[in-house]
Amino acid sequence: MPAYNFQKQFAAAVESGKKRQTIRNSRFRPTMSGDKLYLYTGMRTKKCRLLLEAECKSVQQVMITRNGACLNGRYLYGEALRLFAEADGFASWPAMRDWFKKTHGLPFHGEVISW
């Protein structure tokens, strides 16, 4: 039963269903397809709030670079890249890329957890 915390800026998108995935560093105890996910905002604070309980549909390896994203060895281009960014709660691919560059640095290697 993995729990994930979301920054305040992503909370409404998780609750509304606009954000249907999260991109994270790989965990010691990996999330697996079929796991029940507990999605929160404000974890470890007095303002902790459960946003959603959902079933994990898939876990895929991802690499994000300044030029694009690669999912399980398949590069995303054009429309697929835009849809990927939107599924993660971003308005566009450039917005997603810039957030990852600022927050994690590029290239970023991790996993996409979808619900």
N, C-alpha and C. Protein backbone atom coordinates (compact mmCIF):
# COMPACT_ATOMS: atom_id res chain seq x y z
N MET A 1 0.81 -1.19 0.00
CA MET A 1 0.00 0.00 0.00
C MET A 1 0.85 1.25 0.00
N PRO A 2 1.44 1.56 -1.13
CA PRO A 2 2.31 2.74 -1.24
C PRO A 2 1.54 4.05 -1.06
N ALA A 3 2.19 4.98 -0.36
CA ALA A 3 1.64 6.32 -0.18
C ALA A 3 2.56 7.31 -0.89
N TYR A 4 1.94 8.26 -1.57
CA TYR A 4 2.69 9.30 -2.28
C TYR A 4 2.17 10.66 -1.86
N ASN A 5 3.10 11.58 -1.68
CA ASN A 5 2.77 12.95 -1.32
C ASN A 5 2.88 13.83 -2.56
N PHE A 6 1.95 14.76 -2.70
CA PHE A 6 1.96 15.68 -3.83
C PHE A 6 2.07 17.11 -3.33
N GLN A 7 2.86 17.89 -4.02
CA GLN A 7 2.96 19.30 -3.70
C GLN A 7 1.59 19.94 -3.88
N LYS A 8 1.40 21.01 -3.14
CA LYS A 8 0.13 21.74 -3.16
C LYS A 8 -0.32 22.07 -4.59
N GLN A 9 0.63 22.43 -5.46
CA GLN A 9 0.29 22.82 -6.82
C GLN A 9 -0.33 21.69 -7.63
N PHE A 10 -0.13 20.43 -7.23
CA PHE A 10 -0.67 19.29 -7.97
C PHE A 10 -1.90 18.68 -7.31
N ALA A 11 -2.25 19.10 -6.10
CA ALA A 11 -3.33 18.47 -5.33
C ALA A 11 -4.67 18.48 -6.07
N ALA A 12 -5.08 19.62 -6.59
CA ALA A 12 -6.38 19.72 -7.27
C ALA A 12 -6.42 18.82 -8.51
N ALA A 13 -5.32 18.73 -9.24
CA ALA A 13 -5.27 17.89 -10.44
C ALA A 13 -5.38 16.41 -10.08
N VAL A 14 -4.79 16.00 -8.95
CA VAL A 14 -4.92 14.61 -8.50
C VAL A 14 -6.38 14.33 -8.14
N GLU A 15 -6.97 15.21 -7.35
CA GLU A 15 -8.37 15.02 -6.91
C GLU A 15 -9.36 15.00 -8.08
N SER A 16 -9.15 15.85 -9.05
CA SER A 16 -10.08 15.96 -10.17
C SER A 16 -9.91 14.85 -11.20
N GLY A 17 -8.79 14.14 -11.15
CA GLY A 17 -8.52 13.10 -12.14
C GLY A 17 -7.74 13.60 -13.34
N LYS A 18 -7.42 14.88 -13.37
CA LYS A 18 -6.62 15.41 -14.48
C LYS A 18 -5.21 14.82 -14.44
N LYS A 19 -4.67 14.68 -13.25
CA LYS A 19 -3.35 14.05 -13.07
C LYS A 19 -3.58 12.57 -12.80
N ARG A 20 -3.14 11.73 -13.73
CA ARG A 20 -3.40 10.30 -13.66
C ARG A 20 -2.13 9.47 -13.49
N GLN A 21 -1.05 10.16 -13.22
CA GLN A 21 0.23 9.48 -13.05
C GLN A 21 1.15 10.35 -12.22
N THR A 22 2.21 9.73 -11.70
CA THR A 22 3.25 10.48 -11.01
C THR A 22 4.59 9.91 -11.45
N ILE A 23 5.57 10.77 -11.54
CA ILE A 23 6.91 10.36 -11.93
C ILE A 23 7.79 10.51 -10.71
N ARG A 24 8.43 9.43 -10.32
CA ARG A 24 9.21 9.40 -9.07
C ARG A 24 10.53 8.68 -9.28
N ASN A 25 11.45 8.93 -8.34
CA ASN A 25 12.65 8.12 -8.26
C ASN A 25 12.24 6.70 -7.90
N SER A 26 13.01 5.73 -8.32
CA SER A 26 12.72 4.34 -7.98
C SER A 26 12.84 4.16 -6.47
N ARG A 27 11.98 3.32 -5.91
CA ARG A 27 11.95 3.05 -4.48
C ARG A 27 12.67 1.74 -4.16
N PHE A 28 13.11 1.64 -2.90
CA PHE A 28 13.71 0.39 -2.43
C PHE A 28 12.69 -0.73 -2.52
N ARG A 29 11.46 -0.44 -2.09
CA ARG A 29 10.34 -1.39 -2.20
C ARG A 29 9.44 -0.87 -3.31
N PRO A 30 9.60 -1.38 -4.52
CA PRO A 30 8.91 -0.79 -5.68
C PRO A 30 7.39 -0.94 -5.65
N THR A 31 6.72 0.04 -6.22
CA THR A 31 5.29 -0.02 -6.44
C THR A 31 5.05 -0.98 -7.60
N MET A 32 3.98 -1.78 -7.48
CA MET A 32 3.69 -2.77 -8.51
C MET A 32 2.26 -2.59 -9.02
N SER A 33 2.04 -2.98 -10.24
CA SER A 33 0.71 -2.96 -10.83
C SER A 33 -0.23 -3.74 -9.92
N GLY A 34 -1.41 -3.18 -9.65
CA GLY A 34 -2.38 -3.81 -8.76
C GLY A 34 -2.33 -3.32 -7.33
N ASP A 35 -1.23 -2.64 -6.94
CA ASP A 35 -1.13 -2.09 -5.59
C ASP A 35 -2.19 -1.02 -5.39
N LYS A 36 -2.68 -0.90 -4.15
CA LYS A 36 -3.57 0.19 -3.80
C LYS A 36 -2.71 1.38 -3.43
N LEU A 37 -2.92 2.51 -4.09
CA LEU A 37 -2.14 3.73 -3.86
C LEU A 37 -2.93 4.68 -2.98
N TYR A 38 -2.21 5.32 -2.06
CA TYR A 38 -2.79 6.34 -1.20
C TYR A 38 -2.09 7.65 -1.56
N LEU A 39 -2.84 8.59 -2.09
CA LEU A 39 -2.29 9.82 -2.62
C LEU A 39 -2.67 10.98 -1.70
N TYR A 40 -1.66 11.65 -1.15
CA TYR A 40 -1.84 12.68 -0.15
C TYR A 40 -1.24 14.00 -0.59
N THR A 41 -1.60 15.05 0.12
CA THR A 41 -0.87 16.30 0.09
C THR A 41 -0.62 16.68 1.55
N GLY A 42 0.50 17.32 1.80
CA GLY A 42 0.83 17.76 3.16
C GLY A 42 1.25 16.66 4.10
N MET A 43 1.73 15.53 3.59
CA MET A 43 2.16 14.45 4.48
C MET A 43 3.21 14.97 5.48
N ARG A 44 3.17 14.40 6.66
CA ARG A 44 4.08 14.75 7.76
C ARG A 44 3.88 16.18 8.26
N THR A 45 2.68 16.73 8.02
CA THR A 45 2.32 18.04 8.55
C THR A 45 0.91 17.95 9.14
N LYS A 46 0.52 18.98 9.85
CA LYS A 46 -0.83 19.03 10.41
C LYS A 46 -1.89 19.16 9.32
N LYS A 47 -1.47 19.58 8.14
CA LYS A 47 -2.40 19.78 7.03
C LYS A 47 -2.47 18.58 6.09
N CYS A 48 -2.01 17.42 6.56
CA CYS A 48 -2.05 16.21 5.74
C CYS A 48 -3.49 15.89 5.35
N ARG A 49 -3.67 15.58 4.06
CA ARG A 49 -5.02 15.30 3.55
C ARG A 49 -4.94 14.24 2.47
N LEU A 50 -5.78 13.23 2.60
CA LEU A 50 -5.88 12.19 1.58
C LEU A 50 -6.61 12.76 0.37
N LEU A 51 -5.98 12.69 -0.79
CA LEU A 51 -6.58 13.19 -2.02
C LEU A 51 -7.38 12.10 -2.73
N LEU A 52 -6.81 10.89 -2.74
CA LEU A 52 -7.40 9.83 -3.56
C LEU A 52 -6.82 8.48 -3.16
N GLU A 53 -7.64 7.45 -3.23
CA GLU A 53 -7.17 6.07 -3.17
C GLU A 53 -7.41 5.50 -4.57
N ALA A 54 -6.41 4.85 -5.13
CA ALA A 54 -6.53 4.35 -6.50
C ALA A 54 -5.71 3.08 -6.66
N GLU A 55 -6.05 2.32 -7.66
CA GLU A 55 -5.28 1.12 -7.98
C GLU A 55 -4.21 1.45 -9.00
N CYS A 56 -3.01 0.97 -8.76
CA CYS A 56 -1.91 1.18 -9.70
C CYS A 56 -2.17 0.35 -10.96
N LYS A 57 -2.22 1.03 -12.10
CA LYS A 57 -2.44 0.34 -13.37
C LYS A 57 -1.15 -0.12 -14.01
N SER A 58 -0.08 0.70 -13.85
CA SER A 58 1.20 0.31 -14.45
C SER A 58 2.34 1.09 -13.83
N VAL A 59 3.52 0.51 -13.96
CA VAL A 59 4.77 1.16 -13.55
C VAL A 59 5.72 0.99 -14.72
N GLN A 60 6.23 2.11 -15.24
CA GLN A 60 7.13 2.08 -16.39
C GLN A 60 8.40 2.88 -16.08
N GLN A 61 9.48 2.46 -16.65
CA GLN A 61 10.74 3.20 -16.51
C GLN A 61 10.68 4.44 -17.40
N VAL A 62 11.24 5.55 -16.91
CA VAL A 62 11.21 6.79 -17.68
C VAL A 62 12.56 7.49 -17.60
N MET A 63 12.90 8.16 -18.66
CA MET A 63 14.04 9.06 -18.69
C MET A 63 13.54 10.36 -19.31
N ILE A 64 13.79 11.46 -18.61
CA ILE A 64 13.39 12.77 -19.11
C ILE A 64 14.65 13.57 -19.39
N THR A 65 14.76 14.07 -20.61
CA THR A 65 15.90 14.89 -21.01
C THR A 65 15.37 16.24 -21.49
N ARG A 66 16.26 17.13 -21.86
CA ARG A 66 15.81 18.43 -22.35
C ARG A 66 15.09 18.32 -23.68
N ASN A 67 15.33 17.22 -24.41
CA ASN A 67 14.73 17.05 -25.74
C ASN A 67 13.46 16.21 -25.75
N GLY A 68 13.18 15.47 -24.68
CA GLY A 68 12.00 14.62 -24.69
C GLY A 68 12.00 13.62 -23.56
N ALA A 69 11.16 12.60 -23.71
CA ALA A 69 11.03 11.56 -22.69
C ALA A 69 11.08 10.20 -23.37
N CYS A 70 11.57 9.23 -22.63
CA CYS A 70 11.67 7.86 -23.11
C CYS A 70 10.98 6.96 -22.09
N LEU A 71 9.93 6.26 -22.52
CA LEU A 71 9.17 5.35 -21.65
C LEU A 71 9.47 3.92 -22.03
N ASN A 72 10.05 3.17 -21.08
CA ASN A 72 10.39 1.76 -21.33
C ASN A 72 11.14 1.59 -22.66
N GLY A 73 12.07 2.50 -22.94
CA GLY A 73 12.88 2.39 -24.15
C GLY A 73 12.23 2.97 -25.41
N ARG A 74 11.01 3.52 -25.30
CA ARG A 74 10.32 4.09 -26.45
C ARG A 74 10.28 5.62 -26.31
N TYR A 75 10.86 6.31 -27.28
CA TYR A 75 10.89 7.77 -27.23
C TYR A 75 9.54 8.35 -27.61
N LEU A 76 9.15 9.40 -26.92
CA LEU A 76 7.90 10.09 -27.19
C LEU A 76 8.18 11.37 -27.96
N TYR A 77 7.35 11.64 -28.96
CA TYR A 77 7.51 12.83 -29.80
C TYR A 77 6.15 13.51 -29.98
N GLY A 78 6.19 14.79 -30.28
CA GLY A 78 5.00 15.54 -30.68
C GLY A 78 3.82 15.37 -29.76
N GLU A 79 2.71 14.90 -30.33
CA GLU A 79 1.45 14.74 -29.60
C GLU A 79 1.59 13.79 -28.41
N ALA A 80 2.33 12.71 -28.57
CA ALA A 80 2.52 11.75 -27.47
C ALA A 80 3.23 12.41 -26.29
N LEU A 81 4.17 13.28 -26.56
CA LEU A 81 4.88 13.99 -25.51
C LEU A 81 3.96 14.98 -24.80
N ARG A 82 3.12 15.66 -25.56
CA ARG A 82 2.15 16.59 -24.98
C ARG A 82 1.16 15.85 -24.08
N LEU A 83 0.64 14.73 -24.54
CA LEU A 83 -0.32 13.94 -23.76
C LEU A 83 0.32 13.38 -22.49
N PHE A 84 1.57 12.97 -22.59
CA PHE A 84 2.32 12.47 -21.44
C PHE A 84 2.43 13.56 -20.37
N ALA A 85 2.77 14.77 -20.78
CA ALA A 85 2.90 15.90 -19.85
C ALA A 85 1.55 16.23 -19.22
N GLU A 86 0.49 16.22 -20.01
CA GLU A 86 -0.85 16.52 -19.49
C GLU A 86 -1.31 15.47 -18.49
N ALA A 87 -1.01 14.19 -18.75
CA ALA A 87 -1.39 13.13 -17.81
C ALA A 87 -0.70 13.30 -16.47
N ASP A 88 0.43 14.00 -16.47
CA ASP A 88 1.16 14.25 -15.23
C ASP A 88 0.78 15.58 -14.60
N GLY A 89 -0.22 16.25 -15.15
CA GLY A 89 -0.73 17.47 -14.54
C GLY A 89 -0.09 18.76 -15.02
N PHE A 90 0.68 18.70 -16.09
CA PHE A 90 1.33 19.89 -16.64
C PHE A 90 0.55 20.41 -17.84
N ALA A 91 0.64 21.70 -18.08
CA ALA A 91 -0.06 22.32 -19.20
C ALA A 91 0.58 21.98 -20.54
N SER A 92 1.89 21.67 -20.52
CA SER A 92 2.59 21.41 -21.78
C SER A 92 3.87 20.64 -21.49
N TRP A 93 4.48 20.10 -22.56
CA TRP A 93 5.76 19.44 -22.41
C TRP A 93 6.84 20.41 -21.92
N PRO A 94 6.96 21.63 -22.48
CA PRO A 94 7.99 22.55 -21.97
C PRO A 94 7.82 22.86 -20.48
N ALA A 95 6.58 22.97 -20.01
CA ALA A 95 6.36 23.23 -18.58
C ALA A 95 6.84 22.05 -17.74
N MET A 96 6.58 20.84 -18.20
CA MET A 96 7.02 19.64 -17.49
C MET A 96 8.54 19.55 -17.48
N ARG A 97 9.14 19.71 -18.66
CA ARG A 97 10.59 19.64 -18.76
C ARG A 97 11.26 20.67 -17.85
N ASP A 98 10.76 21.90 -17.85
CA ASP A 98 11.36 22.95 -17.04
C ASP A 98 11.21 22.66 -15.55
N TRP A 99 10.07 22.08 -15.14
CA TRP A 99 9.86 21.73 -13.73
C TRP A 99 10.85 20.65 -13.31
N PHE A 100 11.01 19.61 -14.14
CA PHE A 100 11.96 18.54 -13.81
C PHE A 100 13.39 19.05 -13.79
N LYS A 101 13.73 19.93 -14.72
CA LYS A 101 15.08 20.51 -14.75
C LYS A 101 15.36 21.27 -13.46
N LYS A 102 14.41 22.09 -13.03
CA LYS A 102 14.58 22.89 -11.81
C LYS A 102 14.56 22.03 -10.55
N THR A 103 13.67 21.04 -10.51
CA THR A 103 13.45 20.25 -9.29
C THR A 103 14.45 19.09 -9.14
N HIS A 104 14.75 18.38 -10.22
CA HIS A 104 15.58 17.18 -10.14
C HIS A 104 16.87 17.25 -10.96
N GLY A 105 16.91 18.15 -11.92
CA GLY A 105 18.03 18.16 -12.85
C GLY A 105 17.78 17.17 -13.98
N LEU A 106 18.41 17.43 -15.11
CA LEU A 106 18.25 16.57 -16.28
C LEU A 106 19.59 16.00 -16.69
N PRO A 107 19.64 14.78 -17.15
CA PRO A 107 18.51 13.90 -17.37
C PRO A 107 18.00 13.32 -16.04
N PHE A 108 16.70 13.03 -16.00
CA PHE A 108 16.07 12.41 -14.84
C PHE A 108 15.73 10.97 -15.20
N HIS A 109 16.10 10.03 -14.32
CA HIS A 109 15.77 8.61 -14.50
C HIS A 109 14.89 8.19 -13.34
N GLY A 110 13.77 7.57 -13.63
CA GLY A 110 12.87 7.12 -12.57
C GLY A 110 11.79 6.24 -13.14
N GLU A 111 10.59 6.34 -12.52
CA GLU A 111 9.47 5.52 -12.99
C GLU A 111 8.19 6.33 -13.01
N VAL A 112 7.32 5.93 -13.92
CA VAL A 112 6.00 6.53 -14.05
C VAL A 112 5.01 5.56 -13.44
N ILE A 113 4.29 6.03 -12.42
CA ILE A 113 3.29 5.21 -11.75
C ILE A 113 1.92 5.76 -12.17
N SER A 114 1.14 4.92 -12.84
CA SER A 114 -0.17 5.35 -13.38
C SER A 114 -1.30 4.71 -12.59
N TRP A 115 -2.39 5.47 -12.46
CA TRP A 115 -3.59 4.93 -11.79
C TRP A 115 -4.82 5.23 -12.60
